[in-house]
Amino acid sequence: MTKCCHMVPRILAWNLLLLVTCQIAAGQTEEGYVELFNGQDLNGWKGNPKLWSVEDGAIVGRTTSEDPIEFNTFLIWNEGTVADFELQLDYRIEDGNSGIQYRSKVLDDEQFIVGGYQADIDTTLRYTGINYEERGRGILAERGQRVTIDASGNKHVEQFGDPAELAKHIHSDGWNHYRIVAQGNRLRHFVNDVLMSEVIDQQAPHASQEGVLALQLHRGPAMVIRFKNIRLKKLAAE
């Protein structure tokens, strides 16, 4: 075999490595996800700088008992909106209540107030995994429920799991993996790869099809919430 033939596999390997390197540099992962957080600063996000920071490669939201917040406030992804998508991230919460807003509306730009669908998070595990509509219809689906909301706003509930049993898959004092899948009117929340709730929202005009993505700090007792490995993949509508 000639020297040229020996070089062909090496050239192909180097080209493949270069392609993967370029994708990573552009924020594109091999599975089709885009990284929304660079692990270093809050570039691409907006929120109250007194409340949000980056520590040890994670976004940190923190409130204190000395200076409590009077209303729920959010760190908003400022690089676009989400419609049909799959979002994955890791979170860790210390006290309090938080959540992930999606397909939501910014109601107050100066105070970073957002309303819309929320994948809930809390330390007591009472609410983690549920679908809650912030500044809207309230709880749409409890943990373990598959809820169809018809055009008139009536809820048709199927109980697919026991809330307490599902809570055993959630770590109250460590990192957890949250996955949100929104396609058309179907909204699913997974924690640690276990389905926690599902909503099929047919109540127009409440059923939001597109909006902002945001992370919540909840008013009340002092709390700390951490997020990292935030990745988004666009999906085709169902």
C-alpha atoms as a PDB file:
ATOM      1  CA  MET A   1       0.000   0.000   0.000  1.00  0.00           C
ATOM      2  CA  THR A   2       1.318   3.446  -0.884  1.00  0.00           C
ATOM      3  CA  LYS A   3       2.023   6.201   1.620  1.00  0.00           C
ATOM      4  CA  CYS A   4      -0.891   8.179   0.141  1.00  0.00           C
ATOM      5  CA  CYS A   5      -3.324   5.382   0.945  1.00  0.00           C
ATOM      6  CA  HIS A   6      -2.063   5.304   4.536  1.00  0.00           C
ATOM      7  CA  MET A   7      -2.744   9.028   4.857  1.00  0.00           C
ATOM      8  CA  VAL A   8      -6.406   8.915   3.733  1.00  0.00           C
ATOM      9  CA  PRO A   9      -7.837   7.477   6.986  1.00  0.00           C
ATOM     10  CA  ARG A  10      -5.790   9.975   9.007  1.00  0.00           C
ATOM     11  CA  ILE A  11      -7.053  12.901   6.923  1.00  0.00           C
ATOM     12  CA  LEU A  12     -10.657  11.723   7.331  1.00  0.00           C
ATOM     13  CA  ALA A  13     -10.170  11.356  11.088  1.00  0.00           C
ATOM     14  CA  TRP A  14      -8.690  14.836  11.396  1.00  0.00           C
ATOM     15  CA  ASN A  15     -11.533  16.308   9.313  1.00  0.00           C
ATOM     16  CA  LEU A  16     -14.096  14.616  11.585  1.00  0.00           C
ATOM     17  CA  LEU A  17     -12.315  15.918  14.688  1.00  0.00           C
ATOM     18  CA  LEU A  18     -12.242  19.427  13.208  1.00  0.00           C
ATOM     19  CA  LEU A  19     -15.983  19.260  12.449  1.00  0.00           C
ATOM     20  CA  VAL A  20     -16.846  18.172  16.004  1.00  0.00           C
ATOM     21  CA  THR A  21     -14.560  20.852  17.461  1.00  0.00           C
ATOM     22  CA  CYS A  22     -16.248  23.559  15.377  1.00  0.00           C
ATOM     23  CA  GLN A  23     -19.697  22.353  16.468  1.00  0.00           C
ATOM     24  CA  ILE A  24     -18.706  22.480  20.135  1.00  0.00           C
ATOM     25  CA  ALA A  25     -17.185  25.942  19.702  1.00  0.00           C
ATOM     26  CA  ALA A  26     -20.459  27.125  18.173  1.00  0.00           C
ATOM     27  CA  GLY A  27     -22.441  25.715  21.129  1.00  0.00           C
ATOM     28  CA  GLN A  28     -23.841  22.782  19.141  1.00  0.00           C
ATOM     29  CA  THR A  29     -23.683  19.323  20.754  1.00  0.00           C
ATOM     30  CA  GLU A  30     -23.504  16.028  18.938  1.00  0.00           C
ATOM     31  CA  GLU A  31     -27.140  15.156  19.703  1.00  0.00           C
ATOM     32  CA  GLY A  32     -28.535  18.281  18.055  1.00  0.00           C
ATOM     33  CA  TYR A  33     -28.744  20.270  21.294  1.00  0.00           C
ATOM     34  CA  VAL A  34     -27.563  23.857  21.681  1.00  0.00           C
ATOM     35  CA  GLU A  35     -25.854  24.876  24.930  1.00  0.00           C
ATOM     36  CA  LEU A  36     -27.668  27.862  26.463  1.00  0.00           C
ATOM     37  CA  PHE A  37     -25.179  28.480  29.281  1.00  0.00           C
ATOM     38  CA  ASN A  38     -21.416  28.744  28.775  1.00  0.00           C
ATOM     39  CA  GLY A  39     -20.540  27.780  32.352  1.00  0.00           C
ATOM     40  CA  GLN A  40     -18.600  31.010  32.933  1.00  0.00           C
ATOM     41  CA  ASP A  41     -20.929  34.008  32.946  1.00  0.00           C
ATOM     42  CA  LEU A  42     -24.532  35.096  32.313  1.00  0.00           C
ATOM     43  CA  ASN A  43     -23.979  36.047  28.683  1.00  0.00           C
ATOM     44  CA  GLY A  44     -27.285  35.414  26.879  1.00  0.00           C
ATOM     45  CA  TRP A  45     -29.356  35.778  30.054  1.00  0.00           C
ATOM     46  CA  LYS A  46     -30.924  38.772  31.807  1.00  0.00           C
ATOM     47  CA  GLY A  47     -32.095  39.171  35.387  1.00  0.00           C
ATOM     48  CA  ASN A  48     -31.463  41.070  38.602  1.00  0.00           C
ATOM     49  CA  PRO A  49     -27.631  41.028  38.985  1.00  0.00           C
ATOM     50  CA  LYS A  50     -27.997  41.197  42.784  1.00  0.00           C
ATOM     51  CA  LEU A  51     -29.761  37.834  42.749  1.00  0.00           C
ATOM     52  CA  TRP A  52     -28.089  35.851  39.972  1.00  0.00           C
ATOM     53  CA  SER A  53     -24.443  34.868  39.527  1.00  0.00           C
ATOM     54  CA  VAL A  54     -22.213  32.054  38.278  1.00  0.00           C
ATOM     55  CA  GLU A  55     -20.321  29.826  40.717  1.00  0.00           C
ATOM     56  CA  ASP A  56     -18.373  26.636  39.985  1.00  0.00           C
ATOM     57  CA  GLY A  57     -19.807  26.314  36.488  1.00  0.00           C
ATOM     58  CA  ALA A  58     -23.449  26.759  37.541  1.00  0.00           C
ATOM     59  CA  ILE A  59     -26.013  29.556  37.413  1.00  0.00           C
ATOM     60  CA  VAL A  60     -26.877  30.467  41.003  1.00  0.00           C
ATOM     61  CA  GLY A  61     -29.993  32.290  42.151  1.00  0.00           C
ATOM     62  CA  ARG A  62     -29.842  33.400  45.785  1.00  0.00           C
ATOM     63  CA  THR A  63     -32.086  35.311  48.178  1.00  0.00           C
ATOM     64  CA  THR A  64     -31.345  36.198  51.799  1.00  0.00           C
ATOM     65  CA  SER A  65     -33.391  36.709  54.952  1.00  0.00           C
ATOM     66  CA  GLU A  66     -31.744  40.126  55.383  1.00  0.00           C
ATOM     67  CA  ASP A  67     -32.961  41.353  51.987  1.00  0.00           C
ATOM     68  CA  PRO A  68     -35.958  39.217  50.926  1.00  0.00           C
ATOM     69  CA  ILE A  69     -37.602  39.674  47.538  1.00  0.00           C
ATOM     70  CA  GLU A  70     -41.215  40.850  47.437  1.00  0.00           C
ATOM     71  CA  PHE A  71     -42.281  39.000  44.295  1.00  0.00           C
ATOM     72  CA  ASN A  72     -41.185  36.096  42.130  1.00  0.00           C
ATOM     73  CA  THR A  73     -38.446  37.141  39.742  1.00  0.00           C
ATOM     74  CA  PHE A  74     -36.695  35.354  36.886  1.00  0.00           C
ATOM     75  CA  LEU A  75     -33.488  34.968  34.952  1.00  0.00           C
ATOM     76  CA  ILE A  76     -34.620  35.131  31.325  1.00  0.00           C
ATOM     77  CA  TRP A  77     -32.849  33.509  28.377  1.00  0.00           C
ATOM     78  CA  ASN A  78     -32.331  36.472  26.070  1.00  0.00           C
ATOM     79  CA  GLU A  79     -31.314  34.736  22.843  1.00  0.00           C
ATOM     80  CA  GLY A  80     -34.743  33.882  21.420  1.00  0.00           C
ATOM     81  CA  THR A  81     -37.970  32.067  22.206  1.00  0.00           C
ATOM     82  CA  VAL A  82     -38.959  28.411  22.477  1.00  0.00           C
ATOM     83  CA  ALA A  83     -41.844  26.674  20.711  1.00  0.00           C
ATOM     84  CA  ASP A  84     -41.547  22.913  20.057  1.00  0.00           C
ATOM     85  CA  PHE A  85     -38.457  21.766  21.924  1.00  0.00           C
ATOM     86  CA  GLU A  86     -36.726  19.449  24.341  1.00  0.00           C
ATOM     87  CA  LEU A  87     -34.857  21.093  27.216  1.00  0.00           C
ATOM     88  CA  GLN A  88     -32.434  19.319  29.531  1.00  0.00           C
ATOM     89  CA  LEU A  89     -30.648  20.715  32.570  1.00  0.00           C
ATOM     90  CA  ASP A  90     -29.373  19.787  36.011  1.00  0.00           C
ATOM     91  CA  TYR A  91     -30.562  21.600  39.132  1.00  0.00           C
ATOM     92  CA  ARG A  92     -29.904  21.639  42.860  1.00  0.00           C
ATOM     93  CA  ILE A  93     -32.079  23.537  45.324  1.00  0.00           C
ATOM     94  CA  GLU A  94     -31.372  24.587  48.910  1.00  0.00           C
ATOM     95  CA  ASP A  95     -34.610  25.610  50.622  1.00  0.00           C
ATOM     96  CA  GLY A  96     -37.535  27.327  48.940  1.00  0.00           C
ATOM     97  CA  ASN A  97     -39.282  26.971  45.622  1.00  0.00           C
ATOM     98  CA  SER A  98     -38.226  27.488  42.028  1.00  0.00           C
ATOM     99  CA  GLY A  99     -39.083  26.414  38.509  1.00  0.00           C
ATOM    100  CA  ILE A 100     -38.403  26.559  34.798  1.00  0.00           C
ATOM    101  CA  GLN A 101     -40.647  28.819  32.727  1.00  0.00           C
ATOM    102  CA  TYR A 102     -41.216  28.025  29.046  1.00  0.00           C
ATOM    103  CA  ARG A 103     -43.380  29.400  26.204  1.00  0.00           C
ATOM    104  CA  SER A 104     -43.899  32.268  28.635  1.00  0.00           C
ATOM    105  CA  LYS A 105     -44.475  36.013  28.445  1.00  0.00           C
ATOM    106  CA  VAL A 106     -42.372  38.769  30.008  1.00  0.00           C
ATOM    107  CA  LEU A 107     -44.881  40.823  32.018  1.00  0.00           C
ATOM    108  CA  ASP A 108     -42.440  43.328  33.519  1.00  0.00           C
ATOM    109  CA  ASP A 109     -39.090  43.932  31.808  1.00  0.00           C
ATOM    110  CA  GLU A 110     -37.597  46.001  34.638  1.00  0.00           C
ATOM    111  CA  GLN A 111     -38.512  43.589  37.439  1.00  0.00           C
ATOM    112  CA  PHE A 112     -37.964  40.462  35.297  1.00  0.00           C
ATOM    113  CA  ILE A 113     -41.458  39.132  35.962  1.00  0.00           C
ATOM    114  CA  VAL A 114     -42.628  36.273  33.745  1.00  0.00           C
ATOM    115  CA  GLY A 115     -45.886  34.346  33.404  1.00  0.00           C
ATOM    116  CA  GLY A 116     -46.650  31.037  31.721  1.00  0.00           C
ATOM    117  CA  TYR A 117     -46.031  27.295  31.887  1.00  0.00           C
ATOM    118  CA  GLN A 118     -43.653  26.250  34.648  1.00  0.00           C
ATOM    119  CA  ALA A 119     -41.916  22.987  35.459  1.00  0.00           C
ATOM    120  CA  ASP A 120     -41.873  23.263  39.232  1.00  0.00           C
ATOM    121  CA  ILE A 121     -39.023  22.630  41.689  1.00  0.00           C
ATOM    122  CA  ASP A 122     -39.085  22.689  45.513  1.00  0.00           C
ATOM    123  CA  THR A 123     -37.185  21.238  48.454  1.00  0.00           C
ATOM    124  CA  THR A 124     -40.199  19.579  50.088  1.00  0.00           C
ATOM    125  CA  LEU A 125     -40.973  17.657  46.849  1.00  0.00           C
ATOM    126  CA  ARG A 126     -44.612  18.719  47.125  1.00  0.00           C
ATOM    127  CA  TYR A 127     -44.472  20.513  43.770  1.00  0.00           C
ATOM    128  CA  THR A 128     -41.442  19.180  41.907  1.00  0.00           C
ATOM    129  CA  GLY A 129     -42.456  17.872  38.493  1.00  0.00           C
ATOM    130  CA  ILE A 130     -45.891  19.462  38.330  1.00  0.00           C
ATOM    131  CA  ASN A 131     -47.047  21.836  35.602  1.00  0.00           C
ATOM    132  CA  TYR A 132     -47.955  25.208  37.068  1.00  0.00           C
ATOM    133  CA  GLU A 133     -49.082  28.225  35.060  1.00  0.00           C
ATOM    134  CA  GLU A 134     -47.497  31.258  36.738  1.00  0.00           C
ATOM    135  CA  ARG A 135     -49.860  34.268  36.787  1.00  0.00           C
ATOM    136  CA  GLY A 136     -52.433  32.179  34.959  1.00  0.00           C
ATOM    137  CA  ARG A 137     -54.539  29.098  35.649  1.00  0.00           C
ATOM    138  CA  GLY A 138     -52.443  27.784  38.531  1.00  0.00           C
ATOM    139  CA  ILE A 139     -51.713  24.058  38.800  1.00  0.00           C
ATOM    140  CA  LEU A 140     -52.463  22.373  35.477  1.00  0.00           C
ATOM    141  CA  ALA A 141     -51.243  18.895  36.422  1.00  0.00           C
ATOM    142  CA  GLU A 142     -50.055  17.418  39.695  1.00  0.00           C
ATOM    143  CA  ARG A 143     -47.212  14.926  39.833  1.00  0.00           C
ATOM    144  CA  GLY A 144     -48.458  11.588  38.503  1.00  0.00           C
ATOM    145  CA  GLN A 145     -51.250  13.153  36.423  1.00  0.00           C
ATOM    146  CA  ARG A 146     -51.888  13.241  32.695  1.00  0.00           C
ATOM    147  CA  VAL A 147     -54.354  16.103  32.207  1.00  0.00           C
ATOM    148  CA  THR A 148     -56.241  17.048  29.061  1.00  0.00           C
ATOM    149  CA  ILE A 149     -57.657  20.581  29.223  1.00  0.00           C
ATOM    150  CA  ASP A 150     -60.473  20.926  26.705  1.00  0.00           C
ATOM    151  CA  ALA A 151     -61.485  24.036  24.773  1.00  0.00           C
ATOM    152  CA  SER A 152     -63.809  25.117  27.596  1.00  0.00           C
ATOM    153  CA  GLY A 153     -61.120  24.765  30.259  1.00  0.00           C
ATOM    154  CA  ASN A 154     -62.451  21.553  31.754  1.00  0.00           C
ATOM    155  CA  LYS A 155     -59.809  19.130  33.013  1.00  0.00           C
ATOM    156  CA  HIS A 156     -59.877  15.432  32.220  1.00  0.00           C
ATOM    157  CA  VAL A 157     -57.451  13.729  34.598  1.00  0.00           C
ATOM    158  CA  GLU A 158     -55.743  10.380  34.261  1.00  0.00           C
ATOM    159  CA  GLN A 159     -53.677   9.271  37.263  1.00  0.00           C
ATOM    160  CA  PHE A 160     -50.714   7.359  35.812  1.00  0.00           C
ATOM    161  CA  GLY A 161     -48.552   7.325  38.950  1.00  0.00           C
ATOM    162  CA  ASP A 162     -48.545   7.818  42.711  1.00  0.00           C
ATOM    163  CA  PRO A 163     -47.050  11.217  43.674  1.00  0.00           C
ATOM    164  CA  ALA A 164     -45.212   9.826  46.700  1.00  0.00           C
ATOM    165  CA  GLU A 165     -43.724   6.931  44.736  1.00  0.00           C
ATOM    166  CA  LEU A 166     -42.608   9.255  41.950  1.00  0.00           C
ATOM    167  CA  ALA A 167     -41.003  11.548  44.535  1.00  0.00           C
ATOM    168  CA  LYS A 168     -38.644   8.693  45.481  1.00  0.00           C
ATOM    169  CA  HIS A 169     -36.861   9.281  42.159  1.00  0.00           C
ATOM    170  CA  ILE A 170     -36.055  12.891  43.147  1.00  0.00           C
ATOM    171  CA  HIS A 171     -33.052  13.878  45.284  1.00  0.00           C
ATOM    172  CA  SER A 172     -34.056  16.476  47.849  1.00  0.00           C
ATOM    173  CA  ASP A 173     -30.450  17.242  48.825  1.00  0.00           C
ATOM    174  CA  GLY A 174     -28.479  16.758  45.612  1.00  0.00           C
ATOM    175  CA  TRP A 175     -28.388  17.326  41.868  1.00  0.00           C
ATOM    176  CA  ASN A 176     -31.337  16.271  39.694  1.00  0.00           C
ATOM    177  CA  HIS A 177     -31.814  16.103  35.942  1.00  0.00           C
ATOM    178  CA  TYR A 178     -34.877  17.897  34.519  1.00  0.00           C
ATOM    179  CA  ARG A 179     -36.165  17.267  31.002  1.00  0.00           C
ATOM    180  CA  ILE A 180     -39.070  19.178  29.442  1.00  0.00           C
ATOM    181  CA  VAL A 181     -40.603  18.086  26.140  1.00  0.00           C
ATOM    182  CA  ALA A 182     -43.103  20.448  24.503  1.00  0.00           C
ATOM    183  CA  GLN A 183     -44.626  19.493  21.159  1.00  0.00           C
ATOM    184  CA  GLY A 184     -47.805  21.139  19.966  1.00  0.00           C
ATOM    185  CA  ASN A 185     -50.234  21.138  22.899  1.00  0.00           C
ATOM    186  CA  ARG A 186     -48.497  18.240  24.657  1.00  0.00           C
ATOM    187  CA  LEU A 187     -46.218  19.201  27.560  1.00  0.00           C
ATOM    188  CA  ARG A 188     -44.229  16.580  29.489  1.00  0.00           C
ATOM    189  CA  HIS A 189     -41.998  16.969  32.543  1.00  0.00           C
ATOM    190  CA  PHE A 190     -39.374  14.347  33.457  1.00  0.00           C
ATOM    191  CA  VAL A 191     -37.104  14.334  36.511  1.00  0.00           C
ATOM    192  CA  ASN A 192     -34.181  11.907  36.483  1.00  0.00           C
ATOM    193  CA  ASP A 193     -35.686  10.359  33.329  1.00  0.00           C
ATOM    194  CA  VAL A 194     -39.006   9.561  35.045  1.00  0.00           C
ATOM    195  CA  LEU A 195     -42.243  11.102  33.725  1.00  0.00           C
ATOM    196  CA  MET A 196     -43.705  13.320  36.444  1.00  0.00           C
ATOM    197  CA  SER A 197     -46.618  15.062  34.696  1.00  0.00           C
ATOM    198  CA  GLU A 198     -48.183  15.577  31.289  1.00  0.00           C
ATOM    199  CA  VAL A 199     -50.575  18.244  30.010  1.00  0.00           C
ATOM    200  CA  ILE A 200     -52.478  18.331  26.729  1.00  0.00           C
ATOM    201  CA  ASP A 201     -53.667  21.930  26.579  1.00  0.00           C
ATOM    202  CA  GLN A 202     -56.516  22.571  24.147  1.00  0.00           C
ATOM    203  CA  GLN A 203     -57.830  25.743  25.787  1.00  0.00           C
ATOM    204  CA  ALA A 204     -57.146  28.544  23.345  1.00  0.00           C
ATOM    205  CA  PRO A 205     -56.045  31.308  23.810  1.00  0.00           C
ATOM    206  CA  HIS A 206     -54.418  30.113  27.072  1.00  0.00           C
ATOM    207  CA  ALA A 207     -52.525  27.286  25.358  1.00  0.00           C
ATOM    208  CA  SER A 208     -49.253  29.026  24.569  1.00  0.00           C
ATOM    209  CA  GLN A 209     -47.376  27.829  21.479  1.00  0.00           C
ATOM    210  CA  GLU A 210     -44.228  29.939  21.838  1.00  0.00           C
ATOM    211  CA  GLY A 211     -42.533  32.224  24.335  1.00  0.00           C
ATOM    212  CA  VAL A 212     -39.526  32.849  26.531  1.00  0.00           C
ATOM    213  CA  LEU A 213     -37.516  30.474  28.676  1.00  0.00           C
ATOM    214  CA  ALA A 214     -36.692  31.584  32.241  1.00  0.00           C
ATOM    215  CA  LEU A 215     -35.501  30.356  35.649  1.00  0.00           C
ATOM    216  CA  GLN A 216     -37.361  31.299  38.830  1.00  0.00           C
ATOM    217  CA  LEU A 217     -36.443  32.723  42.215  1.00  0.00           C
ATOM    218  CA  HIS A 218     -39.482  32.522  44.514  1.00  0.00           C
ATOM    219  CA  ARG A 219     -40.393  35.141  47.089  1.00  0.00           C
ATOM    220  CA  GLY A 220     -40.469  34.043  50.715  1.00  0.00           C
ATOM    221  CA  PRO A 221     -37.769  32.432  52.864  1.00  0.00           C
ATOM    222  CA  ALA A 222     -34.114  32.637  51.850  1.00  0.00           C
ATOM    223  CA  MET A 223     -33.175  30.117  49.189  1.00  0.00           C
ATOM    224  CA  VAL A 224     -30.496  29.023  46.743  1.00  0.00           C
ATOM    225  CA  ILE A 225     -31.098  27.374  43.363  1.00  0.00           C
ATOM    226  CA  ARG A 226     -28.377  26.152  40.990  1.00  0.00           C
ATOM    227  CA  PHE A 227     -28.647  25.240  37.293  1.00  0.00           C
ATOM    228  CA  LYS A 228     -26.058  23.795  34.919  1.00  0.00           C
ATOM    229  CA  ASN A 229     -25.725  21.787  31.688  1.00  0.00           C
ATOM    230  CA  ILE A 230     -28.619  23.712  30.104  1.00  0.00           C
ATOM    231  CA  ARG A 231     -29.275  22.343  26.611  1.00  0.00           C
ATOM    232  CA  LEU A 232     -32.069  22.973  24.099  1.00  0.00           C
ATOM    233  CA  LYS A 233     -33.088  21.053  20.999  1.00  0.00           C
ATOM    234  CA  LYS A 234     -35.740  22.235  18.563  1.00  0.00           C
ATOM    235  CA  LEU A 235     -38.398  19.670  17.627  1.00  0.00           C
ATOM    236  CA  ALA A 236     -40.842  19.386  14.750  1.00  0.00           C
ATOM    237  CA  ALA A 237     -44.431  20.167  15.726  1.00  0.00           C
ATOM    238  CA  GLU A 238     -46.705  17.160  16.230  1.00  0.00           C
END
